[in-house]
Amino acid sequence: MSEYMAVLLISLSLPLLLSFWPPLKFYRRFSAFTAAIGATLLVFGGWDVLAAARGHWSFRQEAVRPFRFLGLPLEEILFFVVIPFCCLFTWETLKYLERKFRKA
């Protein structure tokens, strides 16, 4: 497993597990999540493809797997799914907690 993949899996582990917590029901917002991730992947993924192709940045071969799509390693593509998921999960959790504590 690459270093980058390990960081993504660690980042994803707790939010993914807690997304099925019954009071939060984050999994019910799958269509909104898909739209947000799609927009992020399109805009920032496209920017990333262009920047990498132009040599503005690169990826250490030891830190990523050899698979590439449009010049990006798999881990970089997954970054645009995992990190927005974690952000959206955190946002929805904070909104849930705010509602819960306002009622108390």
N, C-alpha and C. Protein backbone atom coordinates (compact mmCIF):
# COMPACT_ATOMS: atom_id res chain seq x y z
N MET A 1 0.85 -1.17 0.00
CA MET A 1 0.00 0.00 0.00
C MET A 1 0.90 1.24 0.00
N SER A 2 0.53 2.20 -0.80
CA SER A 2 1.31 3.43 -0.88
C SER A 2 1.06 4.32 0.34
N GLU A 3 1.98 5.24 0.58
CA GLU A 3 1.83 6.19 1.68
C GLU A 3 0.57 7.03 1.50
N TYR A 4 0.38 7.50 0.29
CA TYR A 4 -0.76 8.36 -0.03
C TYR A 4 -2.07 7.61 0.23
N MET A 5 -2.14 6.35 -0.19
CA MET A 5 -3.35 5.55 0.02
C MET A 5 -3.59 5.33 1.52
N ALA A 6 -2.53 5.11 2.28
CA ALA A 6 -2.67 4.93 3.72
C ALA A 6 -3.26 6.18 4.37
N VAL A 7 -2.79 7.35 3.97
CA VAL A 7 -3.32 8.60 4.51
C VAL A 7 -4.80 8.75 4.15
N LEU A 8 -5.16 8.42 2.93
CA LEU A 8 -6.57 8.51 2.52
C LEU A 8 -7.44 7.55 3.33
N LEU A 9 -6.98 6.33 3.52
CA LEU A 9 -7.76 5.34 4.28
C LEU A 9 -7.91 5.76 5.74
N ILE A 10 -6.85 6.29 6.32
CA ILE A 10 -6.93 6.76 7.70
C ILE A 10 -7.91 7.93 7.79
N SER A 11 -7.84 8.85 6.83
CA SER A 11 -8.74 10.01 6.81
C SER A 11 -10.19 9.59 6.66
N LEU A 12 -10.43 8.56 5.88
CA LEU A 12 -11.78 8.12 5.58
C LEU A 12 -12.39 7.24 6.66
N SER A 13 -11.57 6.54 7.42
CA SER A 13 -12.05 5.49 8.31
C SER A 13 -13.14 5.95 9.28
N LEU A 14 -12.89 6.94 10.08
CA LEU A 14 -13.87 7.37 11.07
C LEU A 14 -15.11 8.02 10.43
N PRO A 15 -14.95 8.97 9.51
CA PRO A 15 -16.15 9.55 8.89
C PRO A 15 -17.03 8.51 8.18
N LEU A 16 -16.41 7.56 7.50
CA LEU A 16 -17.20 6.54 6.81
C LEU A 16 -17.96 5.67 7.80
N LEU A 17 -17.29 5.25 8.85
CA LEU A 17 -17.93 4.43 9.87
C LEU A 17 -19.09 5.18 10.53
N LEU A 18 -18.85 6.43 10.91
CA LEU A 18 -19.88 7.21 11.60
C LEU A 18 -20.99 7.71 10.67
N SER A 19 -20.77 7.65 9.37
CA SER A 19 -21.81 8.12 8.45
C SER A 19 -23.06 7.23 8.50
N PHE A 20 -22.94 6.05 9.08
CA PHE A 20 -24.09 5.15 9.24
C PHE A 20 -24.70 5.22 10.63
N TRP A 21 -24.22 6.15 11.45
CA TRP A 21 -24.77 6.34 12.78
C TRP A 21 -26.23 6.77 12.64
N PRO A 22 -27.16 6.03 13.19
CA PRO A 22 -28.59 6.30 12.94
C PRO A 22 -29.07 7.73 13.16
N PRO A 23 -28.71 8.42 14.25
CA PRO A 23 -29.24 9.79 14.39
C PRO A 23 -28.77 10.75 13.29
N LEU A 24 -27.58 10.56 12.77
CA LEU A 24 -27.05 11.46 11.75
C LEU A 24 -27.61 11.15 10.37
N LYS A 25 -27.66 9.88 10.02
CA LYS A 25 -28.21 9.42 8.73
C LYS A 25 -27.57 10.12 7.52
N PHE A 26 -26.28 10.30 7.58
CA PHE A 26 -25.56 10.96 6.49
C PHE A 26 -25.72 10.21 5.17
N TYR A 27 -25.80 8.90 5.22
CA TYR A 27 -25.93 8.08 4.01
C TYR A 27 -27.20 8.41 3.23
N ARG A 28 -28.18 9.01 3.85
CA ARG A 28 -29.42 9.36 3.15
C ARG A 28 -29.25 10.52 2.18
N ARG A 29 -28.15 11.25 2.31
CA ARG A 29 -27.89 12.40 1.44
C ARG A 29 -26.96 12.02 0.29
N PHE A 30 -27.06 10.80 -0.16
CA PHE A 30 -26.14 10.29 -1.18
C PHE A 30 -26.20 11.08 -2.48
N SER A 31 -27.37 11.50 -2.93
CA SER A 31 -27.47 12.23 -4.19
C SER A 31 -26.80 13.60 -4.08
N ALA A 32 -26.98 14.29 -2.97
CA ALA A 32 -26.31 15.58 -2.77
C ALA A 32 -24.81 15.38 -2.67
N PHE A 33 -24.42 14.33 -1.98
CA PHE A 33 -23.00 14.00 -1.85
C PHE A 33 -22.39 13.72 -3.22
N THR A 34 -23.08 12.96 -4.04
CA THR A 34 -22.59 12.62 -5.37
C THR A 34 -22.43 13.87 -6.23
N ALA A 35 -23.39 14.77 -6.17
CA ALA A 35 -23.30 16.01 -6.95
C ALA A 35 -22.12 16.86 -6.48
N ALA A 36 -21.93 16.97 -5.19
CA ALA A 36 -20.83 17.77 -4.65
C ALA A 36 -19.48 17.15 -5.03
N ILE A 37 -19.37 15.85 -4.91
CA ILE A 37 -18.12 15.17 -5.26
C ILE A 37 -17.87 15.28 -6.76
N GLY A 38 -18.90 15.12 -7.56
CA GLY A 38 -18.76 15.24 -9.01
C GLY A 38 -18.26 16.61 -9.42
N ALA A 39 -18.82 17.65 -8.82
CA ALA A 39 -18.38 19.02 -9.13
C ALA A 39 -16.94 19.23 -8.70
N THR A 40 -16.59 18.75 -7.54
CA THR A 40 -15.21 18.88 -7.04
C THR A 40 -14.24 18.14 -7.95
N LEU A 41 -14.61 16.93 -8.31
CA LEU A 41 -13.75 16.11 -9.17
C LEU A 41 -13.58 16.75 -10.54
N LEU A 42 -14.64 17.28 -11.07
CA LEU A 42 -14.58 17.92 -12.39
C LEU A 42 -13.70 19.18 -12.37
N VAL A 43 -13.97 20.08 -11.45
CA VAL A 43 -13.25 21.35 -11.42
C VAL A 43 -11.80 21.17 -10.96
N PHE A 44 -11.63 20.64 -9.77
CA PHE A 44 -10.28 20.54 -9.21
C PHE A 44 -9.49 19.38 -9.81
N GLY A 45 -10.18 18.31 -10.18
CA GLY A 45 -9.50 17.21 -10.87
C GLY A 45 -9.00 17.66 -12.23
N GLY A 46 -9.82 18.43 -12.95
CA GLY A 46 -9.38 18.97 -14.23
C GLY A 46 -8.20 19.90 -14.08
N TRP A 47 -8.24 20.73 -13.07
CA TRP A 47 -7.13 21.64 -12.79
C TRP A 47 -5.86 20.84 -12.48
N ASP A 48 -6.03 19.78 -11.70
CA ASP A 48 -4.91 18.92 -11.32
C ASP A 48 -4.30 18.24 -12.55
N VAL A 49 -5.15 17.76 -13.44
CA VAL A 49 -4.67 17.11 -14.67
C VAL A 49 -3.82 18.10 -15.47
N LEU A 50 -4.33 19.30 -15.64
CA LEU A 50 -3.59 20.32 -16.40
C LEU A 50 -2.28 20.70 -15.72
N ALA A 51 -2.33 20.90 -14.42
CA ALA A 51 -1.12 21.30 -13.70
C ALA A 51 -0.06 20.20 -13.75
N ALA A 52 -0.46 18.96 -13.59
CA ALA A 52 0.50 17.86 -13.65
C ALA A 52 1.06 17.70 -15.06
N ALA A 53 0.21 17.84 -16.06
CA ALA A 53 0.65 17.71 -17.46
C ALA A 53 1.64 18.82 -17.83
N ARG A 54 1.45 20.01 -17.26
CA ARG A 54 2.34 21.13 -17.56
C ARG A 54 3.60 21.11 -16.70
N GLY A 55 3.69 20.16 -15.78
CA GLY A 55 4.88 20.04 -14.94
C GLY A 55 4.90 20.97 -13.75
N HIS A 56 3.74 21.54 -13.39
CA HIS A 56 3.69 22.43 -12.23
C HIS A 56 3.89 21.65 -10.93
N TRP A 57 3.48 20.40 -10.92
CA TRP A 57 3.80 19.53 -9.80
C TRP A 57 3.78 18.08 -10.28
N SER A 58 4.33 17.25 -9.43
CA SER A 58 4.42 15.83 -9.78
C SER A 58 4.19 15.01 -8.51
N PHE A 59 4.24 13.72 -8.67
CA PHE A 59 3.96 12.81 -7.57
C PHE A 59 5.15 11.88 -7.39
N ARG A 60 5.62 11.78 -6.17
CA ARG A 60 6.75 10.88 -5.90
C ARG A 60 6.35 9.45 -6.23
N GLN A 61 7.12 8.81 -7.03
CA GLN A 61 6.81 7.44 -7.48
C GLN A 61 6.72 6.47 -6.30
N GLU A 62 7.54 6.71 -5.26
CA GLU A 62 7.53 5.81 -4.09
C GLU A 62 6.27 5.99 -3.25
N ALA A 63 5.58 7.11 -3.38
CA ALA A 63 4.43 7.42 -2.53
C ALA A 63 3.10 7.06 -3.16
N VAL A 64 3.11 6.70 -4.44
CA VAL A 64 1.86 6.37 -5.13
C VAL A 64 2.00 5.06 -5.90
N ARG A 65 0.87 4.49 -6.26
CA ARG A 65 0.87 3.27 -7.06
C ARG A 65 1.09 3.65 -8.53
N PRO A 66 1.50 2.70 -9.35
CA PRO A 66 1.81 3.04 -10.74
C PRO A 66 0.60 3.33 -11.63
N PHE A 67 -0.61 2.92 -11.22
CA PHE A 67 -1.80 3.17 -12.04
C PHE A 67 -2.01 4.66 -12.24
N ARG A 68 -2.30 5.06 -13.48
CA ARG A 68 -2.55 6.47 -13.80
C ARG A 68 -3.82 6.57 -14.65
N PHE A 69 -4.56 7.66 -14.43
CA PHE A 69 -5.71 7.99 -15.26
C PHE A 69 -5.58 9.47 -15.59
N LEU A 70 -5.51 9.78 -16.86
CA LEU A 70 -5.28 11.15 -17.33
C LEU A 70 -4.02 11.75 -16.70
N GLY A 71 -3.05 10.90 -16.45
CA GLY A 71 -1.79 11.35 -15.90
C GLY A 71 -1.75 11.46 -14.39
N LEU A 72 -2.86 11.20 -13.73
CA LEU A 72 -2.92 11.30 -12.27
C LEU A 72 -2.89 9.91 -11.64
N PRO A 73 -2.16 9.76 -10.54
CA PRO A 73 -2.19 8.48 -9.84
C PRO A 73 -3.55 8.25 -9.20
N LEU A 74 -3.88 7.00 -8.99
CA LEU A 74 -5.16 6.63 -8.38
C LEU A 74 -5.39 7.38 -7.07
N GLU A 75 -4.36 7.50 -6.26
CA GLU A 75 -4.51 8.17 -4.97
C GLU A 75 -4.93 9.62 -5.12
N GLU A 76 -4.41 10.30 -6.12
CA GLU A 76 -4.76 11.70 -6.34
C GLU A 76 -6.23 11.82 -6.77
N ILE A 77 -6.70 10.90 -7.57
CA ILE A 77 -8.11 10.90 -7.97
C ILE A 77 -8.99 10.63 -6.75
N LEU A 78 -8.59 9.65 -5.95
CA LEU A 78 -9.37 9.34 -4.74
C LEU A 78 -9.36 10.49 -3.74
N PHE A 79 -8.31 11.29 -3.75
CA PHE A 79 -8.24 12.47 -2.89
C PHE A 79 -9.47 13.35 -3.09
N PHE A 80 -9.88 13.51 -4.35
CA PHE A 80 -11.01 14.36 -4.68
C PHE A 80 -12.36 13.74 -4.33
N VAL A 81 -12.35 12.52 -3.84
CA VAL A 81 -13.55 11.88 -3.33
C VAL A 81 -13.49 11.82 -1.80
N VAL A 82 -12.37 11.36 -1.28
CA VAL A 82 -12.24 11.13 0.16
C VAL A 82 -12.28 12.43 0.97
N ILE A 83 -11.48 13.40 0.60
CA ILE A 83 -11.40 14.63 1.40
C ILE A 83 -12.70 15.43 1.35
N PRO A 84 -13.33 15.60 0.18
CA PRO A 84 -14.65 16.26 0.21
C PRO A 84 -15.68 15.47 1.02
N PHE A 85 -15.63 14.14 0.96
CA PHE A 85 -16.53 13.33 1.79
C PHE A 85 -16.31 13.66 3.26
N CYS A 86 -15.06 13.70 3.68
CA CYS A 86 -14.75 14.01 5.08
C CYS A 86 -15.24 15.41 5.45
N CYS A 87 -15.06 16.36 4.56
CA CYS A 87 -15.52 17.73 4.81
C CYS A 87 -17.03 17.81 4.91
N LEU A 88 -17.73 17.18 3.98
CA LEU A 88 -19.20 17.18 4.01
C LEU A 88 -19.72 16.46 5.25
N PHE A 89 -19.09 15.36 5.59
CA PHE A 89 -19.49 14.63 6.79
C PHE A 89 -19.31 15.51 8.03
N THR A 90 -18.18 16.18 8.13
CA THR A 90 -17.92 17.05 9.28
C THR A 90 -18.94 18.18 9.34
N TRP A 91 -19.23 18.79 8.20
CA TRP A 91 -20.22 19.87 8.14
C TRP A 91 -21.60 19.38 8.61
N GLU A 92 -22.05 18.24 8.09
CA GLU A 92 -23.36 17.72 8.47
C GLU A 92 -23.39 17.31 9.93
N THR A 93 -22.28 16.79 10.45
CA THR A 93 -22.21 16.42 11.86
C THR A 93 -22.31 17.65 12.74
N LEU A 94 -21.61 18.71 12.37
CA LEU A 94 -21.69 19.95 13.15
C LEU A 94 -23.09 20.54 13.12
N LYS A 95 -23.75 20.48 11.96
CA LYS A 95 -25.14 20.96 11.87
C LYS A 95 -26.06 20.13 12.77
N TYR A 96 -25.87 18.81 12.76
CA TYR A 96 -26.66 17.93 13.61
C TYR A 96 -26.45 18.26 15.08
N LEU A 97 -25.18 18.42 15.49
CA LEU A 97 -24.88 18.71 16.88
C LEU A 97 -25.43 20.07 17.30
N GLU A 98 -25.38 21.04 16.40
CA GLU A 98 -25.93 22.36 16.70
C GLU A 98 -27.44 22.25 16.95
N ARG A 99 -28.15 21.52 16.08
CA ARG A 99 -29.59 21.33 16.28
C ARG A 99 -29.88 20.61 17.60
N LYS A 100 -29.08 19.61 17.89
CA LYS A 100 -29.30 18.81 19.10
C LYS A 100 -29.08 19.66 20.35
N PHE A 101 -28.01 20.46 20.37
CA PHE A 101 -27.73 21.24 21.56
C PHE A 101 -28.62 22.47 21.69
N ARG A 102 -29.17 22.94 20.58
CA ARG A 102 -30.13 24.05 20.66
C ARG A 102 -31.41 23.61 21.34
N LYS A 103 -31.80 22.36 21.08
CA LYS A 103 -33.01 21.83 21.70
C LYS A 103 -32.83 21.61 23.20
N ALA A 104 -31.62 21.32 23.61
CA ALA A 104 -31.36 20.98 25.03
C ALA A 104 -31.42 22.19 25.93
